[in-house]
Amino acid sequence: MTKITLRFELLAPLDKRMMAWISRAGSVYGLTRVQVAPRSNDLIVDFDASRLTVHEVEHEFAKAGIPVRPLP
């Protein structure tokens, strides 16, 4: 397992639907943690890079209707 931690910028304000998905994100194959950053417009995402790519992580957010972009 190759654990990677990345930050993603939220491109829309958090709502109840987004928070519900974030709370269940660990059930997505390869995602180990999704946490709202203290300033609340970033997400801290831990994932297994041997199972998912950054593009696939972004795609999981898009499927959930959560607009994000990776931060450098």
C-alpha atoms as a PDB file:
ATOM      1  CA  MET A   1       0.000   0.000   0.000  1.00  0.00           C
ATOM      2  CA  THR A   2       1.282   3.443  -0.959  1.00  0.00           C
ATOM      3  CA  LYS A   3      -0.526   6.033   1.145  1.00  0.00           C
ATOM      4  CA  ILE A   4      -0.788   9.501  -0.386  1.00  0.00           C
ATOM      5  CA  THR A   5      -2.230  12.600   1.279  1.00  0.00           C
ATOM      6  CA  LEU A   6      -3.431  15.441  -0.946  1.00  0.00           C
ATOM      7  CA  ARG A   7      -5.396  18.617  -0.461  1.00  0.00           C
ATOM      8  CA  PHE A   8      -8.276  19.487  -2.740  1.00  0.00           C
ATOM      9  CA  GLU A   9      -9.932  22.880  -2.944  1.00  0.00           C
ATOM     10  CA  LEU A  10     -13.715  22.823  -2.720  1.00  0.00           C
ATOM     11  CA  LEU A  11     -15.192  24.859  -5.552  1.00  0.00           C
ATOM     12  CA  ALA A  12     -18.630  25.141  -3.922  1.00  0.00           C
ATOM     13  CA  PRO A  13     -19.769  25.648  -0.321  1.00  0.00           C
ATOM     14  CA  LEU A  14     -20.282  22.481   1.706  1.00  0.00           C
ATOM     15  CA  ASP A  15     -23.868  21.365   2.148  1.00  0.00           C
ATOM     16  CA  LYS A  16     -25.538  18.445   3.929  1.00  0.00           C
ATOM     17  CA  ARG A  17     -25.417  16.201   0.861  1.00  0.00           C
ATOM     18  CA  MET A  18     -21.672  16.746   0.438  1.00  0.00           C
ATOM     19  CA  MET A  19     -21.012  16.171   4.129  1.00  0.00           C
ATOM     20  CA  ALA A  20     -22.994  12.921   3.995  1.00  0.00           C
ATOM     21  CA  TRP A  21     -20.831  11.651   1.126  1.00  0.00           C
ATOM     22  CA  ILE A  22     -17.632  12.752   2.879  1.00  0.00           C
ATOM     23  CA  SER A  23     -18.666  10.789   5.967  1.00  0.00           C
ATOM     24  CA  ARG A  24     -19.078   7.652   3.784  1.00  0.00           C
ATOM     25  CA  ALA A  25     -16.016   8.215   1.573  1.00  0.00           C
ATOM     26  CA  GLY A  26     -14.073   5.452   3.301  1.00  0.00           C
ATOM     27  CA  SER A  27     -16.339   2.947   1.574  1.00  0.00           C
ATOM     28  CA  VAL A  28     -14.890   3.959  -1.816  1.00  0.00           C
ATOM     29  CA  TYR A  29     -12.236   1.431  -2.820  1.00  0.00           C
ATOM     30  CA  GLY A  30      -8.801   2.964  -2.185  1.00  0.00           C
ATOM     31  CA  LEU A  31      -9.952   6.040  -0.240  1.00  0.00           C
ATOM     32  CA  THR A  32      -8.919   5.828   3.384  1.00  0.00           C
ATOM     33  CA  ARG A  33      -9.902   9.258   4.705  1.00  0.00           C
ATOM     34  CA  VAL A  34     -11.565  12.468   3.580  1.00  0.00           C
ATOM     35  CA  GLN A  35     -11.500  15.298   6.094  1.00  0.00           C
ATOM     36  CA  VAL A  36     -12.635  18.905   5.885  1.00  0.00           C
ATOM     37  CA  ALA A  37      -9.652  21.175   6.546  1.00  0.00           C
ATOM     38  CA  PRO A  38      -9.932  23.660   9.419  1.00  0.00           C
ATOM     39  CA  ARG A  39     -10.619  26.572   7.086  1.00  0.00           C
ATOM     40  CA  SER A  40     -13.498  24.531   5.571  1.00  0.00           C
ATOM     41  CA  ASN A  41     -12.924  25.114   1.867  1.00  0.00           C
ATOM     42  CA  ASP A  42     -10.261  22.434   1.460  1.00  0.00           C
ATOM     43  CA  LEU A  43     -10.442  18.689   1.813  1.00  0.00           C
ATOM     44  CA  ILE A  44      -7.587  16.529   3.054  1.00  0.00           C
ATOM     45  CA  VAL A  45      -7.716  13.195   1.268  1.00  0.00           C
ATOM     46  CA  ASP A  46      -5.738  10.049   2.088  1.00  0.00           C
ATOM     47  CA  PHE A  47      -5.785   7.322  -0.531  1.00  0.00           C
ATOM     48  CA  ASP A  48      -3.916   4.238  -1.613  1.00  0.00           C
ATOM     49  CA  ALA A  49      -1.945   5.160  -4.754  1.00  0.00           C
ATOM     50  CA  SER A  50      -1.558   1.498  -5.638  1.00  0.00           C
ATOM     51  CA  ARG A  51      -5.354   1.376  -6.092  1.00  0.00           C
ATOM     52  CA  LEU A  52      -6.303   4.902  -7.253  1.00  0.00           C
ATOM     53  CA  THR A  53      -4.722   7.739  -9.209  1.00  0.00           C
ATOM     54  CA  VAL A  54      -5.295  11.421  -8.455  1.00  0.00           C
ATOM     55  CA  HIS A  55      -7.528  11.573 -11.539  1.00  0.00           C
ATOM     56  CA  GLU A  56      -9.637   8.691 -10.215  1.00  0.00           C
ATOM     57  CA  VAL A  57      -9.964  10.407  -6.825  1.00  0.00           C
ATOM     58  CA  GLU A  58     -11.179  13.559  -8.596  1.00  0.00           C
ATOM     59  CA  HIS A  59     -13.612  11.404 -10.583  1.00  0.00           C
ATOM     60  CA  GLU A  60     -15.074   9.947  -7.362  1.00  0.00           C
ATOM     61  CA  PHE A  61     -15.725  13.481  -6.109  1.00  0.00           C
ATOM     62  CA  ALA A  62     -17.300  14.417  -9.453  1.00  0.00           C
ATOM     63  CA  LYS A  63     -19.581  11.348  -9.322  1.00  0.00           C
ATOM     64  CA  ALA A  64     -20.686  12.491  -5.861  1.00  0.00           C
ATOM     65  CA  GLY A  65     -21.406  16.006  -7.191  1.00  0.00           C
ATOM     66  CA  ILE A  66     -18.593  17.610  -5.190  1.00  0.00           C
ATOM     67  CA  PRO A  67     -16.606  20.051  -7.344  1.00  0.00           C
ATOM     68  CA  VAL A  68     -12.917  19.995  -6.345  1.00  0.00           C
ATOM     69  CA  ARG A  69      -9.496  20.609  -7.795  1.00  0.00           C
ATOM     70  CA  PRO A  70      -6.153  19.399  -6.450  1.00  0.00           C
ATOM     71  CA  LEU A  71      -3.978  21.983  -4.757  1.00  0.00           C
ATOM     72  CA  PRO A  72      -0.270  22.098  -5.617  1.00  0.00           C
END
